[in-house]
PDB file of N, CA and C in Angstrom:
ATOM      1  N   MET A   1     -13.733  -9.411  -0.240  1.00  0.00           N
ATOM      2  CA  MET A   1     -12.422  -9.908  -0.592  1.00  0.00           C
ATOM      3  C   MET A   1     -11.462  -9.550   0.542  1.00  0.00           C
ATOM      4  N   ASN A   2     -10.711 -10.524   1.026  1.00  0.00           N
ATOM      5  CA  ASN A   2      -9.799 -10.251   2.132  1.00  0.00           C
ATOM      6  C   ASN A   2      -8.486  -9.673   1.628  1.00  0.00           C
ATOM      7  N   SER A   3      -7.650  -9.219   2.548  1.00  0.00           N
ATOM      8  CA  SER A   3      -6.401  -8.546   2.217  1.00  0.00           C
ATOM      9  C   SER A   3      -5.455  -9.425   1.395  1.00  0.00           C
ATOM     10  N   GLU A   4      -5.313 -10.678   1.760  1.00  0.00           N
ATOM     11  CA  GLU A   4      -4.420 -11.576   1.018  1.00  0.00           C
ATOM     12  C   GLU A   4      -4.878 -11.749  -0.426  1.00  0.00           C
ATOM     13  N   ASP A   5      -6.175 -11.884  -0.627  1.00  0.00           N
ATOM     14  CA  ASP A   5      -6.713 -12.019  -1.987  1.00  0.00           C
ATOM     15  C   ASP A   5      -6.483 -10.751  -2.806  1.00  0.00           C
ATOM     16  N   ARG A   6      -6.690  -9.585  -2.167  1.00  0.00           N
ATOM     17  CA  ARG A   6      -6.460  -8.323  -2.867  1.00  0.00           C
ATOM     18  C   ARG A   6      -4.996  -8.190  -3.272  1.00  0.00           C
ATOM     19  N   ILE A   7      -4.084  -8.520  -2.355  1.00  0.00           N
ATOM     20  CA  ILE A   7      -2.651  -8.401  -2.633  1.00  0.00           C
ATOM     21  C   ILE A   7      -2.248  -9.350  -3.753  1.00  0.00           C
ATOM     22  N   GLU A   8      -2.768 -10.558  -3.737  1.00  0.00           N
ATOM     23  CA  GLU A   8      -2.465 -11.513  -4.813  1.00  0.00           C
ATOM     24  C   GLU A   8      -2.984 -10.988  -6.154  1.00  0.00           C
ATOM     25  N   ARG A   9      -4.193 -10.447  -6.157  1.00  0.00           N
ATOM     26  CA  ARG A   9      -4.774  -9.902  -7.382  1.00  0.00           C
ATOM     27  C   ARG A   9      -3.945  -8.731  -7.913  1.00  0.00           C
ATOM     28  N   ILE A  10      -3.506  -7.863  -7.016  1.00  0.00           N
ATOM     29  CA  ILE A  10      -2.693  -6.717  -7.410  1.00  0.00           C
ATOM     30  C   ILE A  10      -1.340  -7.183  -7.948  1.00  0.00           C
ATOM     31  N   ALA A  11      -0.720  -8.177  -7.296  1.00  0.00           N
ATOM     32  CA  ALA A  11       0.574  -8.699  -7.755  1.00  0.00           C
ATOM     33  C   ALA A  11       0.457  -9.294  -9.154  1.00  0.00           C
ATOM     34  N   ILE A  12      -0.626  -9.996  -9.418  1.00  0.00           N
ATOM     35  CA  ILE A  12      -0.848 -10.566 -10.754  1.00  0.00           C
ATOM     36  C   ILE A  12      -1.002  -9.447 -11.774  1.00  0.00           C
ATOM     37  N   GLU A  13      -1.736  -8.401 -11.411  1.00  0.00           N
ATOM     38  CA  GLU A  13      -1.905  -7.257 -12.314  1.00  0.00           C
ATOM     39  C   GLU A  13      -0.567  -6.567 -12.579  1.00  0.00           C
ATOM     40  N   LEU A  14       0.265  -6.420 -11.546  1.00  0.00           N
ATOM     41  CA  LEU A  14       1.586  -5.813 -11.724  1.00  0.00           C
ATOM     42  C   LEU A  14       2.454  -6.656 -12.657  1.00  0.00           C
ATOM     43  N   LEU A  15       2.374  -7.974 -12.514  1.00  0.00           N
ATOM     44  CA  LEU A  15       3.142  -8.859 -13.389  1.00  0.00           C
ATOM     45  C   LEU A  15       2.668  -8.725 -14.838  1.00  0.00           C
ATOM     46  N   THR A  16       1.372  -8.602 -15.036  1.00  0.00           N
ATOM     47  CA  THR A  16       0.818  -8.397 -16.371  1.00  0.00           C
ATOM     48  C   THR A  16       1.318  -7.082 -16.970  1.00  0.00           C
ATOM     49  N   ILE A  17       1.315  -6.026 -16.166  1.00  0.00           N
ATOM     50  CA  ILE A  17       1.805  -4.726 -16.632  1.00  0.00           C
ATOM     51  C   ILE A  17       3.293  -4.819 -16.948  1.00  0.00           C
ATOM     52  N   ALA A  18       4.057  -5.486 -16.096  1.00  0.00           N
ATOM     53  CA  ALA A  18       5.498  -5.639 -16.326  1.00  0.00           C
ATOM     54  C   ALA A  18       5.758  -6.373 -17.635  1.00  0.00           C
ATOM     55  N   ASP A  19       4.971  -7.401 -17.926  1.00  0.00           N
ATOM     56  CA  ASP A  19       5.115  -8.119 -19.199  1.00  0.00           C
ATOM     57  C   ASP A  19       4.799  -7.202 -20.377  1.00  0.00           C
ATOM     58  N   ARG A  20       3.700  -6.470 -20.269  1.00  0.00           N
ATOM     59  CA  ARG A  20       3.272  -5.583 -21.354  1.00  0.00           C
ATOM     60  C   ARG A  20       4.295  -4.471 -21.603  1.00  0.00           C
ATOM     61  N   GLU A  21       4.869  -3.947 -20.535  1.00  0.00           N
ATOM     62  CA  GLU A  21       5.834  -2.846 -20.640  1.00  0.00           C
ATOM     63  C   GLU A  21       7.259  -3.347 -20.869  1.00  0.00           C
ATOM     64  N   GLU A  22       7.427  -4.668 -20.964  1.00  0.00           N
ATOM     65  CA  GLU A  22       8.732  -5.300 -21.155  1.00  0.00           C
ATOM     66  C   GLU A  22       9.723  -4.873 -20.080  1.00  0.00           C
ATOM     67  N   ILE A  23       9.258  -4.868 -18.839  1.00  0.00           N
ATOM     68  CA  ILE A  23      10.106  -4.528 -17.697  1.00  0.00           C
ATOM     69  C   ILE A  23      10.926  -5.748 -17.327  1.00  0.00           C
ATOM     70  N   GLU A  24      12.227  -5.528 -17.167  1.00  0.00           N
ATOM     71  CA  GLU A  24      13.110  -6.635 -16.801  1.00  0.00           C
ATOM     72  C   GLU A  24      12.821  -7.067 -15.367  1.00  0.00           C
ATOM     73  N   ARG A  25      12.700  -8.367 -15.195  1.00  0.00           N
ATOM     74  CA  ARG A  25      12.420  -8.925 -13.874  1.00  0.00           C
ATOM     75  C   ARG A  25      13.513  -9.916 -13.519  1.00  0.00           C
ATOM     76  N   VAL A  26      13.749 -10.051 -12.232  1.00  0.00           N
ATOM     77  CA  VAL A  26      14.661 -11.075 -11.738  1.00  0.00           C
ATOM     78  C   VAL A  26      13.902 -11.904 -10.717  1.00  0.00           C
ATOM     79  N   PHE A  27      14.315 -13.130 -10.565  1.00  0.00           N
ATOM     80  CA  PHE A  27      13.701 -14.010  -9.582  1.00  0.00           C
ATOM     81  C   PHE A  27      14.716 -14.245  -8.473  1.00  0.00           C
ATOM     82  N   ASP A  28      14.308 -14.002  -7.231  1.00  0.00           N
ATOM     83  CA  ASP A  28      15.245 -14.258  -6.148  1.00  0.00           C
ATOM     84  C   ASP A  28      15.176 -15.722  -5.735  1.00  0.00           C
ATOM     85  N   THR A  29      15.969 -16.099  -4.768  1.00  0.00           N
ATOM     86  CA  THR A  29      16.081 -17.510  -4.392  1.00  0.00           C
ATOM     87  C   THR A  29      14.770 -18.092  -3.870  1.00  0.00           C
ATOM     88  N   SER A  30      13.880 -17.250  -3.381  1.00  0.00           N
ATOM     89  CA  SER A  30      12.596 -17.752  -2.887  1.00  0.00           C
ATOM     90  C   SER A  30      11.563 -17.871  -4.003  1.00  0.00           C
ATOM     91  N   GLY A  31      11.932 -17.454  -5.220  1.00  0.00           N
ATOM     92  CA  GLY A  31      10.993 -17.516  -6.337  1.00  0.00           C
ATOM     93  C   GLY A  31      10.180 -16.252  -6.517  1.00  0.00           C
ATOM     94  N   ASP A  32      10.382 -15.260  -5.640  1.00  0.00           N
ATOM     95  CA  ASP A  32       9.670 -13.994  -5.781  1.00  0.00           C
ATOM     96  C   ASP A  32      10.200 -13.238  -6.993  1.00  0.00           C
ATOM     97  N   VAL A  33       9.321 -12.495  -7.626  1.00  0.00           N
ATOM     98  CA  VAL A  33       9.697 -11.673  -8.772  1.00  0.00           C
ATOM     99  C   VAL A  33      10.069 -10.288  -8.249  1.00  0.00           C
ATOM    100  N   ARG A  34      11.224  -9.779  -8.704  1.00  0.00           N
ATOM    101  CA  ARG A  34      11.672  -8.448  -8.295  1.00  0.00           C
ATOM    102  C   ARG A  34      11.923  -7.583  -9.526  1.00  0.00           C
ATOM    103  N   VAL A  35      11.818  -6.275  -9.317  1.00  0.00           N
ATOM    104  CA  VAL A  35      12.103  -5.301 -10.371  1.00  0.00           C
ATOM    105  C   VAL A  35      13.016  -4.223  -9.790  1.00  0.00           C
ATOM    106  N   SER A  36      13.680  -3.483 -10.672  1.00  0.00           N
ATOM    107  CA  SER A  36      14.565  -2.404 -10.238  1.00  0.00           C
ATOM    108  C   SER A  36      13.756  -1.279  -9.591  1.00  0.00           C
ATOM    109  N   GLU A  37      14.460  -0.397  -8.905  1.00  0.00           N
ATOM    110  CA  GLU A  37      13.790   0.737  -8.276  1.00  0.00           C
ATOM    111  C   GLU A  37      13.119   1.627  -9.327  1.00  0.00           C
ATOM    112  N   LYS A  38      13.788   1.843 -10.442  1.00  0.00           N
ATOM    113  CA  LYS A  38      13.216   2.669 -11.510  1.00  0.00           C
ATOM    114  C   LYS A  38      11.926   2.043 -12.046  1.00  0.00           C
ATOM    115  N   ASP A  39      11.954   0.723 -12.278  1.00  0.00           N
ATOM    116  CA  ASP A  39      10.759   0.050 -12.784  1.00  0.00           C
ATOM    117  C   ASP A  39       9.668  -0.049 -11.723  1.00  0.00           C
ATOM    118  N   ALA A  40      10.063  -0.213 -10.470  1.00  0.00           N
ATOM    119  CA  ALA A  40       9.073  -0.241  -9.382  1.00  0.00           C
ATOM    120  C   ALA A  40       8.311   1.082  -9.343  1.00  0.00           C
ATOM    121  N   ALA A  41       9.047   2.179  -9.486  1.00  0.00           N
ATOM    122  CA  ALA A  41       8.399   3.492  -9.482  1.00  0.00           C
ATOM    123  C   ALA A  41       7.396   3.591 -10.627  1.00  0.00           C
ATOM    124  N   ARG A  42       7.775   3.115 -11.809  1.00  0.00           N
ATOM    125  CA  ARG A  42       6.848   3.129 -12.959  1.00  0.00           C
ATOM    126  C   ARG A  42       5.585   2.339 -12.657  1.00  0.00           C
ATOM    127  N   LEU A  43       5.764   1.161 -12.048  1.00  0.00           N
ATOM    128  CA  LEU A  43       4.612   0.289 -11.795  1.00  0.00           C
ATOM    129  C   LEU A  43       3.629   0.879 -10.794  1.00  0.00           C
ATOM    130  N   ILE A  44       4.125   1.641  -9.819  1.00  0.00           N
ATOM    131  CA  ILE A  44       3.217   2.180  -8.804  1.00  0.00           C
ATOM    132  C   ILE A  44       2.853   3.641  -9.053  1.00  0.00           C
ATOM    133  N   GLY A  45       3.303   4.181 -10.189  1.00  0.00           N
ATOM    134  CA  GLY A  45       2.871   5.518 -10.581  1.00  0.00           C
ATOM    135  C   GLY A  45       3.626   6.659  -9.926  1.00  0.00           C
ATOM    136  N   LEU A  46       4.865   6.430  -9.531  1.00  0.00           N
ATOM    137  CA  LEU A  46       5.701   7.486  -8.966  1.00  0.00           C
ATOM    138  C   LEU A  46       6.879   7.738  -9.887  1.00  0.00           C
ATOM    139  N   SER A  47       7.519   8.883  -9.719  1.00  0.00           N
ATOM    140  CA  SER A  47       8.776   9.105 -10.435  1.00  0.00           C
ATOM    141  C   SER A  47       9.867   8.300  -9.729  1.00  0.00           C
ATOM    142  N   HIS A  48      10.925   7.987 -10.473  1.00  0.00           N
ATOM    143  CA  HIS A  48      12.045   7.265  -9.867  1.00  0.00           C
ATOM    144  C   HIS A  48      12.611   8.073  -8.699  1.00  0.00           C
ATOM    145  N   GLY A  49      12.768   9.375  -8.888  1.00  0.00           N
ATOM    146  CA  GLY A  49      13.275  10.231  -7.820  1.00  0.00           C
ATOM    147  C   GLY A  49      12.356  10.266  -6.610  1.00  0.00           C
ATOM    148  N   GLY A  50      11.049  10.235  -6.858  1.00  0.00           N
ATOM    149  CA  GLY A  50      10.093  10.241  -5.750  1.00  0.00           C
ATOM    150  C   GLY A  50      10.187   8.992  -4.898  1.00  0.00           C
ATOM    151  N   LEU A  51      10.287   7.826  -5.545  1.00  0.00           N
ATOM    152  CA  LEU A  51      10.413   6.574  -4.798  1.00  0.00           C
ATOM    153  C   LEU A  51      11.746   6.526  -4.062  1.00  0.00           C
ATOM    154  N   LYS A  52      12.808   6.948  -4.725  1.00  0.00           N
ATOM    155  CA  LYS A  52      14.127   6.968  -4.093  1.00  0.00           C
ATOM    156  C   LYS A  52      14.114   7.874  -2.860  1.00  0.00           C
ATOM    157  N   HIS A  53      13.489   9.046  -2.981  1.00  0.00           N
ATOM    158  CA  HIS A  53      13.393   9.980  -1.859  1.00  0.00           C
ATOM    159  C   HIS A  53      12.631   9.358  -0.692  1.00  0.00           C
ATOM    160  N   MET A  54      11.521   8.683  -0.988  1.00  0.00           N
ATOM    161  CA  MET A  54      10.753   8.022   0.073  1.00  0.00           C
ATOM    162  C   MET A  54      11.609   6.962   0.771  1.00  0.00           C
ATOM    163  N   ARG A  55      12.353   6.168  -0.015  1.00  0.00           N
ATOM    164  CA  ARG A  55      13.214   5.129   0.563  1.00  0.00           C
ATOM    165  C   ARG A  55      14.277   5.755   1.449  1.00  0.00           C
ATOM    166  N   GLN A  56      14.900   6.826   0.979  1.00  0.00           N
ATOM    167  CA  GLN A  56      15.947   7.477   1.759  1.00  0.00           C
ATOM    168  C   GLN A  56      15.397   8.091   3.041  1.00  0.00           C
ATOM    169  N   GLU A  57      14.202   8.664   2.979  1.00  0.00           N
ATOM    170  CA  GLU A  57      13.573   9.184   4.194  1.00  0.00           C
ATOM    171  C   GLU A  57      13.319   8.054   5.188  1.00  0.00           C
ATOM    172  N   ASP A  58      12.870   6.904   4.695  1.00  0.00           N
ATOM    173  CA  ASP A  58      12.609   5.758   5.571  1.00  0.00           C
ATOM    174  C   ASP A  58      13.888   5.274   6.239  1.00  0.00           C
ATOM    175  N   GLU A  59      15.006   5.337   5.526  1.00  0.00           N
ATOM    176  CA  GLU A  59      16.278   4.893   6.091  1.00  0.00           C
ATOM    177  C   GLU A  59      16.699   5.755   7.269  1.00  0.00           C
ATOM    178  N   GLU A  60      16.240   7.003   7.303  1.00  0.00           N
ATOM    179  CA  GLU A  60      16.590   7.926   8.374  1.00  0.00           C
ATOM    180  C   GLU A  60      15.623   7.855   9.556  1.00  0.00           C
ATOM    181  N   ARG A  61      14.514   7.157   9.404  1.00  0.00           N
ATOM    182  CA  ARG A  61      13.516   7.068  10.482  1.00  0.00           C
ATOM    183  C   ARG A  61      14.021   6.143  11.586  1.00  0.00           C
ATOM    184  N   PRO A  62      13.668   6.457  12.828  1.00  0.00           N
ATOM    185  CA  PRO A  62      14.018   5.534  13.922  1.00  0.00           C
ATOM    186  C   PRO A  62      13.310   4.190  13.729  1.00  0.00           C
ATOM    187  N   LEU A  63      13.942   3.127  14.189  1.00  0.00           N
ATOM    188  CA  LEU A  63      13.332   1.800  14.094  1.00  0.00           C
ATOM    189  C   LEU A  63      11.967   1.799  14.761  1.00  0.00           C
ATOM    190  N   GLY A  64      11.022   1.121  14.155  1.00  0.00           N
ATOM    191  CA  GLY A  64       9.680   1.017  14.716  1.00  0.00           C
ATOM    192  C   GLY A  64       8.699   2.023  14.144  1.00  0.00           C
ATOM    193  N   GLU A  65       9.197   3.079  13.503  1.00  0.00           N
ATOM    194  CA  GLU A  65       8.291   4.049  12.883  1.00  0.00           C
ATOM    195  C   GLU A  65       7.803   3.504  11.554  1.00  0.00           C
ATOM    196  N   ASP A  66       6.598   3.903  11.183  1.00  0.00           N
ATOM    197  CA  ASP A  66       6.036   3.463   9.905  1.00  0.00           C
ATOM    198  C   ASP A  66       6.858   4.001   8.739  1.00  0.00           C
ATOM    199  N   CYS A  67       7.008   3.173   7.727  1.00  0.00           N
ATOM    200  CA  CYS A  67       7.721   3.565   6.513  1.00  0.00           C
ATOM    201  C   CYS A  67       6.731   4.046   5.472  1.00  0.00           C
ATOM    202  N   ARG A  68       7.179   4.935   4.595  1.00  0.00           N
ATOM    203  CA  ARG A  68       6.335   5.441   3.520  1.00  0.00           C
ATOM    204  C   ARG A  68       6.510   4.649   2.241  1.00  0.00           C
ATOM    205  N   ALA A  69       7.724   4.141   2.002  1.00  0.00           N
ATOM    206  CA  ALA A  69       8.033   3.458   0.743  1.00  0.00           C
ATOM    207  C   ALA A  69       7.751   1.963   0.858  1.00  0.00           C
ATOM    208  N   PRO A  70       7.579   1.303  -0.287  1.00  0.00           N
ATOM    209  CA  PRO A  70       7.459  -0.157  -0.262  1.00  0.00           C
ATOM    210  C   PRO A  70       8.759  -0.781   0.249  1.00  0.00           C
ATOM    211  N   GLU A  71       8.651  -1.966   0.797  1.00  0.00           N
ATOM    212  CA  GLU A  71       9.834  -2.674   1.278  1.00  0.00           C
ATOM    213  C   GLU A  71      10.750  -2.970   0.093  1.00  0.00           C
ATOM    214  N   CYS A  72      12.046  -2.709   0.270  1.00  0.00           N
ATOM    215  CA  CYS A  72      13.000  -2.937  -0.811  1.00  0.00           C
ATOM    216  C   CYS A  72      14.096  -3.891  -0.357  1.00  0.00           C
ATOM    217  N   VAL A  73      14.865  -4.365  -1.335  1.00  0.00           N
ATOM    218  CA  VAL A  73      15.935  -5.315  -1.084  1.00  0.00           C
ATOM    219  C   VAL A  73      17.219  -4.743  -1.674  1.00  0.00           C
ATOM    220  N   PRO A  74      18.272  -4.548  -0.852  1.00  0.00           N
ATOM    221  CA  PRO A  74      19.544  -4.127  -1.443  1.00  0.00           C
ATOM    222  C   PRO A  74      20.084  -5.258  -2.313  1.00  0.00           C
ATOM    223  N   THR A  75      20.533  -4.932  -3.520  1.00  0.00           N
ATOM    224  CA  THR A  75      20.943  -5.980  -4.450  1.00  0.00           C
ATOM    225  C   THR A  75      22.425  -5.980  -4.756  1.00  0.00           C
ATOM    226  N   GLY A  76      23.209  -5.246  -4.037  1.00  0.00           N
ATOM    227  CA  GLY A  76      24.647  -5.238  -4.263  1.00  0.00           C
ATOM    228  C   GLY A  76      25.183  -3.832  -4.272  1.00  0.00           C
ATOM    229  N   LYS A  77      26.454  -3.721  -4.078  1.00  0.00           N
ATOM    230  CA  LYS A  77      27.078  -2.409  -3.983  1.00  0.00           C
ATOM    231  C   LYS A  77      27.826  -2.076  -5.262  1.00  0.00           C
ATOM    232  N   GLY A  78      27.604  -0.869  -5.757  1.00  0.00           N
ATOM    233  CA  GLY A  78      28.384  -0.340  -6.862  1.00  0.00           C
ATOM    234  C   GLY A  78      29.556   0.422  -6.276  1.00  0.00           C
ATOM    235  N   LEU A  79      30.215   1.214  -7.080  1.00  0.00           N
ATOM    236  CA  LEU A  79      31.359   1.970  -6.586  1.00  0.00           C
ATOM    237  C   LEU A  79      30.959   2.995  -5.536  1.00  0.00           C
ATOM    238  N   ARG A  80      29.828   3.647  -5.729  1.00  0.00           N
ATOM    239  CA  ARG A  80      29.428   4.710  -4.810  1.00  0.00           C
ATOM    240  C   ARG A  80      28.090   4.474  -4.133  1.00  0.00           C
ATOM    241  N   ARG A  81      27.336   3.523  -4.592  1.00  0.00           N
ATOM    242  CA  ARG A  81      25.992   3.377  -4.033  1.00  0.00           C
ATOM    243  C   ARG A  81      25.538   1.938  -4.094  1.00  0.00           C
ATOM    244  N   CYS A  82      24.516   1.694  -3.367  1.00  0.00           N
ATOM    245  CA  CYS A  82      23.885   0.379  -3.351  1.00  0.00           C
ATOM    246  C   CYS A  82      22.686   0.449  -4.287  1.00  0.00           C
ATOM    247  N   ARG A  83      22.405  -0.626  -4.959  1.00  0.00           N
ATOM    248  CA  ARG A  83      21.217  -0.697  -5.810  1.00  0.00           C
ATOM    249  C   ARG A  83      20.113  -1.416  -5.040  1.00  0.00           C
ATOM    250  N   TYR A  84      18.883  -1.095  -5.371  1.00  0.00           N
ATOM    251  CA  TYR A  84      17.745  -1.674  -4.681  1.00  0.00           C
ATOM    252  C   TYR A  84      16.790  -2.286  -5.695  1.00  0.00           C
ATOM    253  N   SER A  85      16.140  -3.356  -5.270  1.00  0.00           N
ATOM    254  CA  SER A  85      15.070  -3.935  -6.071  1.00  0.00           C
ATOM    255  C   SER A  85      13.862  -4.101  -5.167  1.00  0.00           C
ATOM    256  N   TYR A  86      12.727  -4.335  -5.801  1.00  0.00           N
ATOM    257  CA  TYR A  86      11.455  -4.425  -5.075  1.00  0.00           C
ATOM    258  C   TYR A  86      10.729  -5.682  -5.514  1.00  0.00           C
ATOM    259  N   ARG A  87      10.269  -6.468  -4.557  1.00  0.00           N
ATOM    260  CA  ARG A  87       9.457  -7.646  -4.873  1.00  0.00           C
ATOM    261  C   ARG A  87       8.075  -7.162  -5.316  1.00  0.00           C
ATOM    262  N   LEU A  88       7.517  -7.835  -6.318  1.00  0.00           N
ATOM    263  CA  LEU A  88       6.170  -7.458  -6.767  1.00  0.00           C
ATOM    264  C   LEU A  88       5.166  -7.597  -5.631  1.00  0.00           C
ATOM    265  N   THR A  89       5.371  -8.587  -4.769  1.00  0.00           N
ATOM    266  CA  THR A  89       4.451  -8.749  -3.638  1.00  0.00           C
ATOM    267  C   THR A  89       4.552  -7.569  -2.671  1.00  0.00           C
ATOM    268  N   ALA A  90       5.755  -6.993  -2.498  1.00  0.00           N
ATOM    269  CA  ALA A  90       5.906  -5.817  -1.634  1.00  0.00           C
ATOM    270  C   ALA A  90       5.235  -4.595  -2.265  1.00  0.00           C
ATOM    271  N   LEU A  91       5.347  -4.479  -3.594  1.00  0.00           N
ATOM    272  CA  LEU A  91       4.657  -3.381  -4.277  1.00  0.00           C
ATOM    273  C   LEU A  91       3.149  -3.542  -4.165  1.00  0.00           C
ATOM    274  N   ALA A  92       2.675  -4.777  -4.312  1.00  0.00           N
ATOM    275  CA  ALA A  92       1.237  -5.047  -4.181  1.00  0.00           C
ATOM    276  C   ALA A  92       0.752  -4.713  -2.769  1.00  0.00           C
ATOM    277  N   GLN A  93       1.548  -5.069  -1.764  1.00  0.00           N
ATOM    278  CA  GLN A  93       1.193  -4.757  -0.366  1.00  0.00           C
ATOM    279  C   GLN A  93       1.131  -3.247  -0.171  1.00  0.00           C
ATOM    280  N   TRP A  94       2.100  -2.530  -0.736  1.00  0.00           N
ATOM    281  CA  TRP A  94       2.136  -1.073  -0.612  1.00  0.00           C
ATOM    282  C   TRP A  94       0.913  -0.455  -1.284  1.00  0.00           C
ATOM    283  N   ILE A  95       0.576  -0.942  -2.475  1.00  0.00           N
ATOM    284  CA  ILE A  95      -0.611  -0.433  -3.168  1.00  0.00           C
ATOM    285  C   ILE A  95      -1.856  -0.692  -2.326  1.00  0.00           C
ATOM    286  N   ASP A  96      -1.977  -1.902  -1.781  1.00  0.00           N
ATOM    287  CA  ASP A  96      -3.148  -2.228  -0.974  1.00  0.00           C
ATOM    288  C   ASP A  96      -3.221  -1.344   0.270  1.00  0.00           C
ATOM    289  N   ASP A  97      -2.083  -1.116   0.921  1.00  0.00           N
ATOM    290  CA  ASP A  97      -2.055  -0.276   2.123  1.00  0.00           C
ATOM    291  C   ASP A  97      -2.415   1.171   1.819  1.00  0.00           C
ATOM    292  N   ASN A  98      -2.047   1.646   0.626  1.00  0.00           N
ATOM    293  CA  ASN A  98      -2.264   3.041   0.252  1.00  0.00           C
ATOM    294  C   ASN A  98      -3.441   3.236  -0.689  1.00  0.00           C
ATOM    295  N   ARG A  99      -4.135   2.167  -0.968  1.00  0.00           N
ATOM    296  CA  ARG A  99      -5.239   2.170  -1.926  1.00  0.00           C
ATOM    297  C   ARG A  99      -6.300   3.231  -1.638  1.00  0.00           C
ATOM    298  N   PRO A 100      -6.764   3.357  -0.411  1.00  0.00           N
ATOM    299  CA  PRO A 100      -7.809   4.355  -0.173  1.00  0.00           C
ATOM    300  C   PRO A 100      -7.359   5.778  -0.517  1.00  0.00           C
ATOM    301  N   ARG A 101      -6.095   6.057  -0.292  1.00  0.00           N
ATOM    302  CA  ARG A 101      -5.583   7.411  -0.497  1.00  0.00           C
ATOM    303  C   ARG A 101      -5.167   7.670  -1.936  1.00  0.00           C
ATOM    304  N   LEU A 102      -4.525   6.699  -2.566  1.00  0.00           N
ATOM    305  CA  LEU A 102      -3.909   6.942  -3.861  1.00  0.00           C
ATOM    306  C   LEU A 102      -4.626   6.326  -5.053  1.00  0.00           C
ATOM    307  N   TYR A 103      -5.246   5.186  -4.840  1.00  0.00           N
ATOM    308  CA  TYR A 103      -5.712   4.404  -5.976  1.00  0.00           C
ATOM    309  C   TYR A 103      -7.200   4.089  -5.942  1.00  0.00           C
ATOM    310  N   ALA A 104      -7.963   4.842  -5.229  1.00  0.00           N
ATOM    311  CA  ALA A 104      -9.389   4.531  -5.103  1.00  0.00           C
ATOM    312  C   ALA A 104     -10.073   4.414  -6.454  1.00  0.00           C
ATOM    313  N   HIS A 105      -9.682   5.235  -7.389  1.00  0.00           N
ATOM    314  CA  HIS A 105     -10.330   5.228  -8.714  1.00  0.00           C
ATOM    315  C   HIS A 105      -9.913   4.010  -9.539  1.00  0.00           C
ATOM    316  N   LEU A 106      -8.792   3.332  -9.197  1.00  0.00           N
ATOM    317  CA  LEU A 106      -8.322   2.193  -9.969  1.00  0.00           C
ATOM    318  C   LEU A 106      -8.656   0.843  -9.341  1.00  0.00           C
ATOM    319  N   TRP A 107      -8.639   0.775  -8.023  1.00  0.00           N
ATOM    320  CA  TRP A 107      -8.737  -0.516  -7.331  1.00  0.00           C
ATOM    321  C   TRP A 107     -10.044  -0.651  -6.569  1.00  0.00           C
ATOM    322  N   GLN A 108     -11.131  -0.230  -7.151  1.00  0.00           N
ATOM    323  CA  GLN A 108     -12.414  -0.352  -6.487  1.00  0.00           C
ATOM    324  C   GLN A 108     -12.831  -1.812  -6.462  1.00  0.00           C
ATOM    325  N   GLU A 109     -13.332  -2.221  -5.308  1.00  0.00           N
ATOM    326  CA  GLU A 109     -13.784  -3.621  -5.180  1.00  0.00           C
ATOM    327  C   GLU A 109     -15.073  -3.806  -5.956  1.00  0.00           C
ATOM    328  N   LYS A 110     -15.186  -4.983  -6.523  1.00  0.00           N
ATOM    329  CA  LYS A 110     -16.370  -5.292  -7.321  1.00  0.00           C
ATOM    330  C   LYS A 110     -17.286  -6.203  -6.546  1.00  0.00           C
TER     331      LYS A 110
END
């Protein structure tokens, strides 16, 4: 199974989990499904604080360095902070990239 097929399979599984867990989803203009940072953390098995910390560390990294967190999208500014959402495809890509280290017991190829 190639990388694109694995990512598509993982994204479908994430969407199924989001439906089962009644996670609120939004669709962006490209038709991609996005979830809040809190829900993204739930879907990939991290605490909300853990994912937020990874994102903040990535923001401090020099351009060109590898990021630890999944790619996120700023969704607007509140009074004191910006909110972030995550595309399911970005979460699927992150899971696939980190699969050997984090998810070997869940995402074994058949």
